[in-house]
Amino acid sequence: QLQLVASGGGSVQPGGSLRLSCAASGFTLDYYAIGWFRQAPGKEREGLSCISTSGVSTNYADSVKGRFTISRDNAKNTVYLQMNSLKPEDTAVYYCAKRLARLCVGGYDYWGQGTQVTVSS
């Protein structure tokens, strides 16, 4: 059964860091580009970042550029999102999703469960 499980969320003070993990099971993650998204209460889902199968191609939303870094370890079937300099406005449920392609183009066909990130003092 195909699964994507996001973990690593929690509560952190402004300026702090967290590393989220997106673990895949039931399929070989290294055949697909993977993206990270978030959704805050009352707001639309926001695309944050995407990484190609090789890890060479990445992109970021302006809201997280320079603070978040996406990476992957295909041997571990896992994609990561390192989040630094966190702000209260980063508070949201974070999700990972599987693209249809190897590159960060086209749509997504599977969404994993989310992990809550709360940034407050």
PDB file of N, CA and C in Angstrom:
ATOM      1  N   GLN A   1       0.842  -1.189   0.000  1.00  0.00           N
ATOM      2  CA  GLN A   1       0.000   0.000   0.000  1.00  0.00           C
ATOM      3  C   GLN A   1       0.881   1.244   0.000  1.00  0.00           C
ATOM      4  N   LEU A   2       0.580   2.161  -0.904  1.00  0.00           N
ATOM      5  CA  LEU A   2       1.371   3.372  -1.043  1.00  0.00           C
ATOM      6  C   LEU A   2       1.127   4.291   0.145  1.00  0.00           C
ATOM      7  N   GLN A   3       2.220   4.770   0.751  1.00  0.00           N
ATOM      8  CA  GLN A   3       2.113   5.699   1.874  1.00  0.00           C
ATOM      9  C   GLN A   3       3.214   6.743   1.826  1.00  0.00           C
ATOM     10  N   LEU A   4       2.841   7.956   2.212  1.00  0.00           N
ATOM     11  CA  LEU A   4       3.797   9.034   2.447  1.00  0.00           C
ATOM     12  C   LEU A   4       3.494   9.560   3.839  1.00  0.00           C
ATOM     13  N   VAL A   5       4.477   9.510   4.708  1.00  0.00           N
ATOM     14  CA  VAL A   5       4.259   9.916   6.095  1.00  0.00           C
ATOM     15  C   VAL A   5       5.210  11.046   6.438  1.00  0.00           C
ATOM     16  N   ALA A   6       4.641  12.201   6.751  1.00  0.00           N
ATOM     17  CA  ALA A   6       5.444  13.347   7.177  1.00  0.00           C
ATOM     18  C   ALA A   6       5.599  13.317   8.690  1.00  0.00           C
ATOM     19  N   SER A   7       6.784  13.646   9.158  1.00  0.00           N
ATOM     20  CA  SER A   7       7.059  13.676  10.588  1.00  0.00           C
ATOM     21  C   SER A   7       8.093  14.758  10.883  1.00  0.00           C
ATOM     22  N   GLY A   8       8.306  14.999  12.163  1.00  0.00           N
ATOM     23  CA  GLY A   8       9.306  15.973  12.568  1.00  0.00           C
ATOM     24  C   GLY A   8       8.755  17.314  12.987  1.00  0.00           C
ATOM     25  N   GLY A   9       7.456  17.462  12.910  1.00  0.00           N
ATOM     26  CA  GLY A   9       6.855  18.718  13.338  1.00  0.00           C
ATOM     27  C   GLY A   9       6.907  18.862  14.849  1.00  0.00           C
ATOM     28  N   GLY A  10       6.513  20.038  15.307  1.00  0.00           N
ATOM     29  CA  GLY A  10       6.501  20.296  16.732  1.00  0.00           C
ATOM     30  C   GLY A  10       6.352  21.773  16.997  1.00  0.00           C
ATOM     31  N   SER A  11       6.617  22.144  18.232  1.00  0.00           N
ATOM     32  CA  SER A  11       6.545  23.541  18.645  1.00  0.00           C
ATOM     33  C   SER A  11       7.942  24.096  18.806  1.00  0.00           C
ATOM     34  N   VAL A  12       8.146  25.301  18.301  1.00  0.00           N
ATOM     35  CA  VAL A  12       9.469  25.919  18.352  1.00  0.00           C
ATOM     36  C   VAL A  12       9.301  27.426  18.489  1.00  0.00           C
ATOM     37  N   GLN A  13      10.285  28.064  19.070  1.00  0.00           N
ATOM     38  CA  GLN A  13      10.244  29.518  19.213  1.00  0.00           C
ATOM     39  C   GLN A  13      10.671  30.197  17.914  1.00  0.00           C
ATOM     40  N   PRO A  14      10.249  31.427  17.709  1.00  0.00           N
ATOM     41  CA  PRO A  14      10.701  32.162  16.511  1.00  0.00           C
ATOM     42  C   PRO A  14      12.220  32.189  16.433  1.00  0.00           C
ATOM     43  N   GLY A  15      12.708  31.984  15.226  1.00  0.00           N
ATOM     44  CA  GLY A  15      14.142  31.905  15.021  1.00  0.00           C
ATOM     45  C   GLY A  15      14.701  30.500  15.125  1.00  0.00           C
ATOM     46  N   GLY A  16      13.877  29.568  15.578  1.00  0.00           N
ATOM     47  CA  GLY A  16      14.319  28.192  15.732  1.00  0.00           C
ATOM     48  C   GLY A  16      14.296  27.406  14.436  1.00  0.00           C
ATOM     49  N   SER A  17      14.635  26.123  14.557  1.00  0.00           N
ATOM     50  CA  SER A  17      14.739  25.249  13.386  1.00  0.00           C
ATOM     51  C   SER A  17      14.023  23.929  13.637  1.00  0.00           C
ATOM     52  N   LEU A  18      13.560  23.334  12.565  1.00  0.00           N
ATOM     53  CA  LEU A  18      13.016  21.985  12.572  1.00  0.00           C
ATOM     54  C   LEU A  18      13.399  21.302  11.268  1.00  0.00           C
ATOM     55  N   ARG A  19      13.504  19.987  11.305  1.00  0.00           N
ATOM     56  CA  ARG A  19      13.692  19.236  10.081  1.00  0.00           C
ATOM     57  C   ARG A  19      12.541  18.246   9.924  1.00  0.00           C
ATOM     58  N   LEU A  20      11.806  18.408   8.865  1.00  0.00           N
ATOM     59  CA  LEU A  20      10.713  17.505   8.564  1.00  0.00           C
ATOM     60  C   LEU A  20      11.206  16.375   7.667  1.00  0.00           C
ATOM     61  N   SER A  21      10.611  15.213   7.859  1.00  0.00           N
ATOM     62  CA  SER A  21      10.912  14.054   7.018  1.00  0.00           C
ATOM     63  C   SER A  21       9.643  13.586   6.331  1.00  0.00           C
ATOM     64  N   CYS A  22       9.808  13.096   5.112  1.00  0.00           N
ATOM     65  CA  CYS A  22       8.704  12.516   4.347  1.00  0.00           C
ATOM     66  C   CYS A  22       9.165  11.127   3.943  1.00  0.00           C
ATOM     67  N   ALA A  23       8.630  10.127   4.626  1.00  0.00           N
ATOM     68  CA  ALA A  23       9.045   8.749   4.381  1.00  0.00           C
ATOM     69  C   ALA A  23       8.027   8.053   3.491  1.00  0.00           C
ATOM     70  N   ALA A  24       8.530   7.378   2.477  1.00  0.00           N
ATOM     71  CA  ALA A  24       7.658   6.687   1.529  1.00  0.00           C
ATOM     72  C   ALA A  24       7.695   5.184   1.767  1.00  0.00           C
ATOM     73  N   SER A  25       6.572   4.556   1.571  1.00  0.00           N
ATOM     74  CA  SER A  25       6.509   3.100   1.607  1.00  0.00           C
ATOM     75  C   SER A  25       5.505   2.646   0.552  1.00  0.00           C
ATOM     76  N   GLY A  26       5.721   1.432   0.055  1.00  0.00           N
ATOM     77  CA  GLY A  26       4.825   0.900  -0.961  1.00  0.00           C
ATOM     78  C   GLY A  26       5.196   1.304  -2.382  1.00  0.00           C
ATOM     79  N   PHE A  27       6.197   2.157  -2.517  1.00  0.00           N
ATOM     80  CA  PHE A  27       6.686   2.518  -3.852  1.00  0.00           C
ATOM     81  C   PHE A  27       8.113   3.032  -3.711  1.00  0.00           C
ATOM     82  N   THR A  28       8.810   3.081  -4.839  1.00  0.00           N
ATOM     83  CA  THR A  28      10.189   3.555  -4.835  1.00  0.00           C
ATOM     84  C   THR A  28      10.185   5.049  -5.072  1.00  0.00           C
ATOM     85  N   LEU A  29      10.529   5.776  -4.028  1.00  0.00           N
ATOM     86  CA  LEU A  29      10.443   7.226  -4.062  1.00  0.00           C
ATOM     87  C   LEU A  29      11.369   7.842  -5.088  1.00  0.00           C
ATOM     88  N   ASP A  30      12.503   7.193  -5.379  1.00  0.00           N
ATOM     89  CA  ASP A  30      13.485   7.832  -6.249  1.00  0.00           C
ATOM     90  C   ASP A  30      13.065   7.885  -7.711  1.00  0.00           C
ATOM     91  N   TYR A  31      11.880   7.411  -8.056  1.00  0.00           N
ATOM     92  CA  TYR A  31      11.369   7.563  -9.412  1.00  0.00           C
ATOM     93  C   TYR A  31      10.543   8.835  -9.592  1.00  0.00           C
ATOM     94  N   TYR A  32      10.326   9.572  -8.492  1.00  0.00           N
ATOM     95  CA  TYR A  32       9.388  10.698  -8.557  1.00  0.00           C
ATOM     96  C   TYR A  32       9.942  11.942  -7.868  1.00  0.00           C
ATOM     97  N   ALA A  33       9.595  13.093  -8.448  1.00  0.00           N
ATOM     98  CA  ALA A  33       9.839  14.337  -7.742  1.00  0.00           C
ATOM     99  C   ALA A  33       8.866  14.420  -6.559  1.00  0.00           C
ATOM    100  N   ILE A  34       9.294  15.089  -5.506  1.00  0.00           N
ATOM    101  CA  ILE A  34       8.492  15.211  -4.283  1.00  0.00           C
ATOM    102  C   ILE A  34       8.385  16.687  -3.902  1.00  0.00           C
ATOM    103  N   GLY A  35       7.215  17.074  -3.472  1.00  0.00           N
ATOM    104  CA  GLY A  35       7.000  18.450  -3.049  1.00  0.00           C
ATOM    105  C   GLY A  35       6.545  18.541  -1.609  1.00  0.00           C
ATOM    106  N   TRP A  36       6.780  19.696  -1.015  1.00  0.00           N
ATOM    107  CA  TRP A  36       6.286  20.018   0.328  1.00  0.00           C
ATOM    108  C   TRP A  36       5.276  21.156   0.220  1.00  0.00           C
ATOM    109  N   PHE A  37       4.235  21.033   1.012  1.00  0.00           N
ATOM    110  CA  PHE A  37       3.174  22.028   1.063  1.00  0.00           C
ATOM    111  C   PHE A  37       2.846  22.323   2.519  1.00  0.00           C
ATOM    112  N   ARG A  38       2.089  23.378   2.741  1.00  0.00           N
ATOM    113  CA  ARG A  38       1.573  23.644   4.079  1.00  0.00           C
ATOM    114  C   ARG A  38       0.206  24.293   3.968  1.00  0.00           C
ATOM    115  N   GLN A  39      -0.546  24.148   5.034  1.00  0.00           N
ATOM    116  CA  GLN A  39      -1.850  24.788   5.100  1.00  0.00           C
ATOM    117  C   GLN A  39      -2.102  25.273   6.514  1.00  0.00           C
ATOM    118  N   ALA A  40      -2.301  26.560   6.640  1.00  0.00           N
ATOM    119  CA  ALA A  40      -2.615  27.166   7.931  1.00  0.00           C
ATOM    120  C   ALA A  40      -4.125  27.288   8.050  1.00  0.00           C
ATOM    121  N   PRO A  41      -4.643  27.347   9.274  1.00  0.00           N
ATOM    122  CA  PRO A  41      -6.087  27.468   9.480  1.00  0.00           C
ATOM    123  C   PRO A  41      -6.653  28.671   8.744  1.00  0.00           C
ATOM    124  N   GLY A  42      -7.703  28.442   7.970  1.00  0.00           N
ATOM    125  CA  GLY A  42      -8.358  29.524   7.252  1.00  0.00           C
ATOM    126  C   GLY A  42      -7.647  30.004   6.014  1.00  0.00           C
ATOM    127  N   LYS A  43      -6.549  29.325   5.653  1.00  0.00           N
ATOM    128  CA  LYS A  43      -5.794  29.742   4.467  1.00  0.00           C
ATOM    129  C   LYS A  43      -5.743  28.616   3.449  1.00  0.00           C
ATOM    130  N   GLU A  44      -5.456  28.981   2.219  1.00  0.00           N
ATOM    131  CA  GLU A  44      -5.301  27.978   1.172  1.00  0.00           C
ATOM    132  C   GLU A  44      -3.974  27.243   1.323  1.00  0.00           C
ATOM    133  N   ARG A  45      -3.951  26.040   0.755  1.00  0.00           N
ATOM    134  CA  ARG A  45      -2.709  25.283   0.754  1.00  0.00           C
ATOM    135  C   ARG A  45      -1.647  26.012  -0.075  1.00  0.00           C
ATOM    136  N   GLU A  46      -0.441  26.031   0.446  1.00  0.00           N
ATOM    137  CA  GLU A  46       0.658  26.752  -0.192  1.00  0.00           C
ATOM    138  C   GLU A  46       1.759  25.781  -0.582  1.00  0.00           C
ATOM    139  N   GLY A  47       2.167  25.807  -1.826  1.00  0.00           N
ATOM    140  CA  GLY A  47       3.305  25.017  -2.261  1.00  0.00           C
ATOM    141  C   GLY A  47       4.593  25.666  -1.804  1.00  0.00           C
ATOM    142  N   LEU A  48       5.472  24.900  -1.192  1.00  0.00           N
ATOM    143  CA  LEU A  48       6.704  25.441  -0.613  1.00  0.00           C
ATOM    144  C   LEU A  48       7.944  25.114  -1.421  1.00  0.00           C
ATOM    145  N   SER A  49       8.069  23.861  -1.815  1.00  0.00           N
ATOM    146  CA  SER A  49       9.316  23.438  -2.411  1.00  0.00           C
ATOM    147  C   SER A  49       9.111  22.125  -3.154  1.00  0.00           C
ATOM    148  N   CYS A  50      10.014  21.870  -4.097  1.00  0.00           N
ATOM    149  CA  CYS A  50       9.983  20.611  -4.831  1.00  0.00           C
ATOM    150  C   CYS A  50      11.410  20.188  -5.129  1.00  0.00           C
ATOM    151  N   ILE A  51      11.621  18.871  -5.199  1.00  0.00           N
ATOM    152  CA  ILE A  51      12.930  18.348  -5.524  1.00  0.00           C
ATOM    153  C   ILE A  51      12.776  17.240  -6.561  1.00  0.00           C
ATOM    154  N   SER A  52      13.646  17.260  -7.570  1.00  0.00           N
ATOM    155  CA  SER A  52      13.600  16.252  -8.610  1.00  0.00           C
ATOM    156  C   SER A  52      14.160  14.928  -8.093  1.00  0.00           C
ATOM    157  N   THR A  53      14.049  13.887  -8.900  1.00  0.00           N
ATOM    158  CA  THR A  53      14.499  12.569  -8.454  1.00  0.00           C
ATOM    159  C   THR A  53      15.987  12.545  -8.124  1.00  0.00           C
ATOM    160  N   SER A  54      16.783  13.253  -8.901  1.00  0.00           N
ATOM    161  CA  SER A  54      18.231  13.251  -8.669  1.00  0.00           C
ATOM    162  C   SER A  54      18.638  14.184  -7.544  1.00  0.00           C
ATOM    163  N   GLY A  55      17.743  15.103  -7.198  1.00  0.00           N
ATOM    164  CA  GLY A  55      18.080  16.108  -6.202  1.00  0.00           C
ATOM    165  C   GLY A  55      18.771  17.328  -6.779  1.00  0.00           C
ATOM    166  N   VAL A  56      19.089  17.295  -8.057  1.00  0.00           N
ATOM    167  CA  VAL A  56      19.802  18.411  -8.686  1.00  0.00           C
ATOM    168  C   VAL A  56      18.890  19.620  -8.865  1.00  0.00           C
ATOM    169  N   SER A  57      17.634  19.374  -9.189  1.00  0.00           N
ATOM    170  CA  SER A  57      16.696  20.463  -9.437  1.00  0.00           C
ATOM    171  C   SER A  57      15.780  20.652  -8.240  1.00  0.00           C
ATOM    172  N   THR A  58      15.780  21.878  -7.704  1.00  0.00           N
ATOM    173  CA  THR A  58      14.896  22.226  -6.590  1.00  0.00           C
ATOM    174  C   THR A  58      14.275  23.593  -6.861  1.00  0.00           C
ATOM    175  N   ASN A  59      13.139  23.836  -6.223  1.00  0.00           N
ATOM    176  CA  ASN A  59      12.574  25.181  -6.280  1.00  0.00           C
ATOM    177  C   ASN A  59      11.904  25.503  -4.951  1.00  0.00           C
ATOM    178  N   TYR A  60      11.704  26.790  -4.709  1.00  0.00           N
ATOM    179  CA  TYR A  60      11.158  27.241  -3.429  1.00  0.00           C
ATOM    180  C   TYR A  60      10.187  28.393  -3.646  1.00  0.00           C
ATOM    181  N   ALA A  61       9.184  28.441  -2.795  1.00  0.00           N
ATOM    182  CA  ALA A  61       8.305  29.602  -2.763  1.00  0.00           C
ATOM    183  C   ALA A  61       9.073  30.786  -2.184  1.00  0.00           C
ATOM    184  N   ASP A  62       8.702  31.970  -2.596  1.00  0.00           N
ATOM    185  CA  ASP A  62       9.388  33.165  -2.102  1.00  0.00           C
ATOM    186  C   ASP A  62       9.296  33.275  -0.580  1.00  0.00           C
ATOM    187  N   SER A  63       8.207  32.781  -0.021  1.00  0.00           N
ATOM    188  CA  SER A  63       7.982  32.912   1.423  1.00  0.00           C
ATOM    189  C   SER A  63       8.985  32.119   2.255  1.00  0.00           C
ATOM    190  N   VAL A  64       9.645  31.122   1.646  1.00  0.00           N
ATOM    191  CA  VAL A  64      10.573  30.285   2.411  1.00  0.00           C
ATOM    192  C   VAL A  64      11.983  30.275   1.819  1.00  0.00           C
ATOM    193  N   LYS A  65      12.164  30.916   0.687  1.00  0.00           N
ATOM    194  CA  LYS A  65      13.460  30.912   0.027  1.00  0.00           C
ATOM    195  C   LYS A  65      14.530  31.506   0.938  1.00  0.00           C
ATOM    196  N   GLY A  66      15.641  30.814   1.044  1.00  0.00           N
ATOM    197  CA  GLY A  66      16.731  31.266   1.901  1.00  0.00           C
ATOM    198  C   GLY A  66      16.637  30.783   3.329  1.00  0.00           C
ATOM    199  N   ARG A  67      15.471  30.243   3.699  1.00  0.00           N
ATOM    200  CA  ARG A  67      15.291  29.746   5.070  1.00  0.00           C
ATOM    201  C   ARG A  67      15.075  28.236   5.097  1.00  0.00           C
ATOM    202  N   PHE A  68      14.421  27.703   4.080  1.00  0.00           N
ATOM    203  CA  PHE A  68      14.121  26.278   4.011  1.00  0.00           C
ATOM    204  C   PHE A  68      14.998  25.622   2.948  1.00  0.00           C
ATOM    205  N   THR A  69      15.378  24.371   3.220  1.00  0.00           N
ATOM    206  CA  THR A  69      16.163  23.605   2.261  1.00  0.00           C
ATOM    207  C   THR A  69      15.570  22.214   2.110  1.00  0.00           C
ATOM    208  N   ILE A  70      15.287  21.837   0.872  1.00  0.00           N
ATOM    209  CA  ILE A  70      14.762  20.504   0.594  1.00  0.00           C
ATOM    210  C   ILE A  70      15.910  19.603   0.159  1.00  0.00           C
ATOM    211  N   SER A  71      15.852  18.346   0.575  1.00  0.00           N
ATOM    212  CA  SER A  71      16.864  17.376   0.180  1.00  0.00           C
ATOM    213  C   SER A  71      16.229  15.995   0.184  1.00  0.00           C
ATOM    214  N   ARG A  72      16.960  15.017  -0.333  1.00  0.00           N
ATOM    215  CA  ARG A  72      16.419  13.662  -0.356  1.00  0.00           C
ATOM    216  C   ARG A  72      17.533  12.653  -0.199  1.00  0.00           C
ATOM    217  N   ASP A  73      17.161  11.520   0.380  1.00  0.00           N
ATOM    218  CA  ASP A  73      18.050  10.373   0.499  1.00  0.00           C
ATOM    219  C   ASP A  73      17.297   9.194  -0.098  1.00  0.00           C
ATOM    220  N   ASN A  74      17.549   8.926  -1.349  1.00  0.00           N
ATOM    221  CA  ASN A  74      16.796   7.874  -2.029  1.00  0.00           C
ATOM    222  C   ASN A  74      17.060   6.496  -1.423  1.00  0.00           C
ATOM    223  N   ALA A  75      18.231   6.302  -0.865  1.00  0.00           N
ATOM    224  CA  ALA A  75      18.531   5.021  -0.222  1.00  0.00           C
ATOM    225  C   ALA A  75      17.621   4.775   0.976  1.00  0.00           C
ATOM    226  N   LYS A  76      17.199   5.864   1.607  1.00  0.00           N
ATOM    227  CA  LYS A  76      16.307   5.761   2.763  1.00  0.00           C
ATOM    228  C   LYS A  76      14.856   6.016   2.375  1.00  0.00           C
ATOM    229  N   ASN A  77      14.628   6.231   1.082  1.00  0.00           N
ATOM    230  CA  ASN A  77      13.252   6.480   0.610  1.00  0.00           C
ATOM    231  C   ASN A  77      12.618   7.655   1.343  1.00  0.00           C
ATOM    232  N   THR A  78      13.400   8.696   1.567  1.00  0.00           N
ATOM    233  CA  THR A  78      12.951   9.809   2.401  1.00  0.00           C
ATOM    234  C   THR A  78      13.364  11.153   1.789  1.00  0.00           C
ATOM    235  N   VAL A  79      12.466  12.123   1.904  1.00  0.00           N
ATOM    236  CA  VAL A  79      12.748  13.509   1.527  1.00  0.00           C
ATOM    237  C   VAL A  79      12.661  14.359   2.781  1.00  0.00           C
ATOM    238  N   TYR A  80      13.515  15.354   2.864  1.00  0.00           N
ATOM    239  CA  TYR A  80      13.587  16.196   4.059  1.00  0.00           C
ATOM    240  C   TYR A  80      13.277  17.649   3.712  1.00  0.00           C
ATOM    241  N   LEU A  81      12.852  18.374   4.731  1.00  0.00           N
ATOM    242  CA  LEU A  81      12.699  19.816   4.619  1.00  0.00           C
ATOM    243  C   LEU A  81      13.315  20.428   5.867  1.00  0.00           C
ATOM    244  N   GLN A  82      14.498  21.012   5.703  1.00  0.00           N
ATOM    245  CA  GLN A  82      15.156  21.711   6.804  1.00  0.00           C
ATOM    246  C   GLN A  82      14.609  23.126   6.871  1.00  0.00           C
ATOM    247  N   MET A  83      14.062  23.484   8.009  1.00  0.00           N
ATOM    248  CA  MET A  83      13.431  24.791   8.180  1.00  0.00           C
ATOM    249  C   MET A  83      14.195  25.582   9.237  1.00  0.00           C
ATOM    250  N   ASN A  84      14.804  26.674   8.826  1.00  0.00           N
ATOM    251  CA  ASN A  84      15.560  27.545   9.729  1.00  0.00           C
ATOM    252  C   ASN A  84      14.897  28.912   9.830  1.00  0.00           C
ATOM    253  N   SER A  85      15.298  29.668  10.826  1.00  0.00           N
ATOM    254  CA  SER A  85      14.775  31.030  11.024  1.00  0.00           C
ATOM    255  C   SER A  85      13.249  31.047  10.970  1.00  0.00           C
ATOM    256  N   LEU A  86      12.648  30.135  11.696  1.00  0.00           N
ATOM    257  CA  LEU A  86      11.194  30.004  11.647  1.00  0.00           C
ATOM    258  C   LEU A  86      10.499  31.233  12.224  1.00  0.00           C
ATOM    259  N   LYS A  87       9.350  31.547  11.614  1.00  0.00           N
ATOM    260  CA  LYS A  87       8.551  32.703  12.002  1.00  0.00           C
ATOM    261  C   LYS A  87       7.161  32.237  12.431  1.00  0.00           C
ATOM    262  N   PRO A  88       6.454  33.029  13.207  1.00  0.00           N
ATOM    263  CA  PRO A  88       5.087  32.642  13.592  1.00  0.00           C
ATOM    264  C   PRO A  88       4.199  32.357  12.374  1.00  0.00           C
ATOM    265  N   GLU A  89       4.419  33.054  11.294  1.00  0.00           N
ATOM    266  CA  GLU A  89       3.602  32.828  10.096  1.00  0.00           C
ATOM    267  C   GLU A  89       3.907  31.513   9.386  1.00  0.00           C
ATOM    268  N   ASP A  90       4.927  30.795   9.860  1.00  0.00           N
ATOM    269  CA  ASP A  90       5.205  29.455   9.338  1.00  0.00           C
ATOM    270  C   ASP A  90       4.337  28.394  10.002  1.00  0.00           C
ATOM    271  N   THR A  91       3.581  28.779  10.999  1.00  0.00           N
ATOM    272  CA  THR A  91       2.705  27.833  11.691  1.00  0.00           C
ATOM    273  C   THR A  91       1.664  27.278  10.724  1.00  0.00           C
ATOM    274  N   ALA A  92       1.624  25.951  10.607  1.00  0.00           N
ATOM    275  CA  ALA A  92       0.725  25.297   9.657  1.00  0.00           C
ATOM    276  C   ALA A  92       0.887  23.785   9.792  1.00  0.00           C
ATOM    277  N   VAL A  93       0.025  23.061   9.095  1.00  0.00           N
ATOM    278  CA  VAL A  93       0.224  21.630   8.895  1.00  0.00           C
ATOM    279  C   VAL A  93       1.013  21.468   7.598  1.00  0.00           C
ATOM    280  N   TYR A  94       2.084  20.713   7.682  1.00  0.00           N
ATOM    281  CA  TYR A  94       2.976  20.518   6.544  1.00  0.00           C
ATOM    282  C   TYR A  94       2.752  19.132   5.941  1.00  0.00           C
ATOM    283  N   TYR A  95       2.689  19.097   4.607  1.00  0.00           N
ATOM    284  CA  TYR A  95       2.436  17.864   3.878  1.00  0.00           C
ATOM    285  C   TYR A  95       3.506  17.645   2.816  1.00  0.00           C
ATOM    286  N   CYS A  96       3.744  16.384   2.504  1.00  0.00           N
ATOM    287  CA  CYS A  96       4.542  16.084   1.326  1.00  0.00           C
ATOM    288  C   CYS A  96       3.644  15.390   0.307  1.00  0.00           C
ATOM    289  N   ALA A  97       4.048  15.482  -0.939  1.00  0.00           N
ATOM    290  CA  ALA A  97       3.243  14.917  -2.016  1.00  0.00           C
ATOM    291  C   ALA A  97       4.143  14.399  -3.124  1.00  0.00           C
ATOM    292  N   LYS A  98       3.648  13.407  -3.821  1.00  0.00           N
ATOM    293  CA  LYS A  98       4.390  12.751  -4.886  1.00  0.00           C
ATOM    294  C   LYS A  98       3.933  13.301  -6.237  1.00  0.00           C
ATOM    295  N   ARG A  99       4.907  13.697  -7.015  1.00  0.00           N
ATOM    296  CA  ARG A  99       4.582  14.161  -8.372  1.00  0.00           C
ATOM    297  C   ARG A  99       4.441  12.971  -9.306  1.00  0.00           C
ATOM    298  N   LEU A 100       3.870  13.261 -10.474  1.00  0.00           N
ATOM    299  CA  LEU A 100       3.716  12.246 -11.503  1.00  0.00           C
ATOM    300  C   LEU A 100       5.010  12.010 -12.267  1.00  0.00           C
ATOM    301  N   ALA A 101       5.946  12.964 -12.188  1.00  0.00           N
ATOM    302  CA  ALA A 101       7.145  12.950 -13.018  1.00  0.00           C
ATOM    303  C   ALA A 101       8.411  12.963 -12.172  1.00  0.00           C
ATOM    304  N   ARG A 102       9.525  12.788 -12.844  1.00  0.00           N
ATOM    305  CA  ARG A 102      10.831  12.840 -12.183  1.00  0.00           C
ATOM    306  C   ARG A 102      11.262  14.269 -11.905  1.00  0.00           C
ATOM    307  N   LEU A 103      10.789  15.203 -12.689  1.00  0.00           N
ATOM    308  CA  LEU A 103      11.139  16.610 -12.512  1.00  0.00           C
ATOM    309  C   LEU A 103       9.978  17.349 -11.853  1.00  0.00           C
ATOM    310  N   CYS A 104      10.263  18.582 -11.429  1.00  0.00           N
ATOM    311  CA  CYS A 104       9.245  19.376 -10.738  1.00  0.00           C
ATOM    312  C   CYS A 104       8.335  20.066 -11.752  1.00  0.00           C
ATOM    313  N   VAL A 105       7.636  19.267 -12.502  1.00  0.00           N
ATOM    314  CA  VAL A 105       6.664  19.752 -13.485  1.00  0.00           C
ATOM    315  C   VAL A 105       5.425  18.878 -13.385  1.00  0.00           C
ATOM    316  N   GLY A 106       4.308  19.420 -13.861  1.00  0.00           N
ATOM    317  CA  GLY A 106       3.089  18.630 -13.830  1.00  0.00           C
ATOM    318  C   GLY A 106       2.465  18.573 -12.451  1.00  0.00           C
ATOM    319  N   GLY A 107       1.536  17.673 -12.304  1.00  0.00           N
ATOM    320  CA  GLY A 107       0.757  17.625 -11.076  1.00  0.00           C
ATOM    321  C   GLY A 107       1.252  16.598 -10.073  1.00  0.00           C
ATOM    322  N   TYR A 108       0.474  16.512  -8.997  1.00  0.00           N
ATOM    323  CA  TYR A 108       0.732  15.557  -7.929  1.00  0.00           C
ATOM    324  C   TYR A 108      -0.390  14.522  -7.916  1.00  0.00           C
ATOM    325  N   ASP A 109      -0.038  13.298  -7.599  1.00  0.00           N
ATOM    326  CA  ASP A 109      -1.079  12.280  -7.605  1.00  0.00           C
ATOM    327  C   ASP A 109      -1.265  11.591  -6.259  1.00  0.00           C
ATOM    328  N   TYR A 110      -0.443  11.944  -5.280  1.00  0.00           N
ATOM    329  CA  TYR A 110      -0.632  11.336  -3.962  1.00  0.00           C
ATOM    330  C   TYR A 110      -0.116  12.278  -2.880  1.00  0.00           C
ATOM    331  N   TRP A 111      -0.935  12.399  -1.846  1.00  0.00           N
ATOM    332  CA  TRP A 111      -0.617  13.280  -0.724  1.00  0.00           C
ATOM    333  C   TRP A 111      -0.501  12.466   0.543  1.00  0.00           C
ATOM    334  N   GLY A 112       0.507  12.793   1.336  1.00  0.00           N
ATOM    335  CA  GLY A 112       0.666  12.095   2.590  1.00  0.00           C
ATOM    336  C   GLY A 112      -0.064  12.794   3.725  1.00  0.00           C
ATOM    337  N   GLN A 113      -0.008  12.195   4.868  1.00  0.00           N
ATOM    338  CA  GLN A 113      -0.575  12.831   6.052  1.00  0.00           C
ATOM    339  C   GLN A 113       0.332  13.974   6.470  1.00  0.00           C
ATOM    340  N   GLY A 114      -0.197  14.903   7.197  1.00  0.00           N
ATOM    341  CA  GLY A 114       0.565  16.081   7.565  1.00  0.00           C
ATOM    342  C   GLY A 114       1.177  15.997   8.939  1.00  0.00           C
ATOM    343  N   THR A 115       2.058  16.966   9.214  1.00  0.00           N
ATOM    344  CA  THR A 115       2.652  17.110  10.533  1.00  0.00           C
ATOM    345  C   THR A 115       2.539  18.582  10.938  1.00  0.00           C
ATOM    346  N   GLN A 116       2.153  18.806  12.177  1.00  0.00           N
ATOM    347  CA  GLN A 116       1.891  20.164  12.644  1.00  0.00           C
ATOM    348  C   GLN A 116       3.189  20.857  13.046  1.00  0.00           C
ATOM    349  N   VAL A 117       3.359  22.082  12.582  1.00  0.00           N
ATOM    350  CA  VAL A 117       4.465  22.942  12.991  1.00  0.00           C
ATOM    351  C   VAL A 117       3.865  24.191  13.621  1.00  0.00           C
ATOM    352  N   THR A 118       4.282  24.487  14.838  1.00  0.00           N
ATOM    353  CA  THR A 118       3.797  25.666  15.548  1.00  0.00           C
ATOM    354  C   THR A 118       4.991  26.508  15.975  1.00  0.00           C
ATOM    355  N   VAL A 119       4.985  27.767  15.563  1.00  0.00           N
ATOM    356  CA  VAL A 119       6.069  28.687  15.893  1.00  0.00           C
ATOM    357  C   VAL A 119       5.493  29.804  16.750  1.00  0.00           C
ATOM    358  N   SER A 120       5.876  29.832  18.006  1.00  0.00           N
ATOM    359  CA  SER A 120       5.366  30.862  18.907  1.00  0.00           C
ATOM    360  C   SER A 120       6.316  31.028  20.068  1.00  0.00           C
ATOM    361  N   SER A 121       6.230  32.210  20.687  1.00  0.00           N
ATOM    362  CA  SER A 121       7.065  32.477  21.848  1.00  0.00           C
ATOM    363  C   SER A 121       6.277  32.250  23.118  1.00  0.00           C
TER     364      SER A 121
END
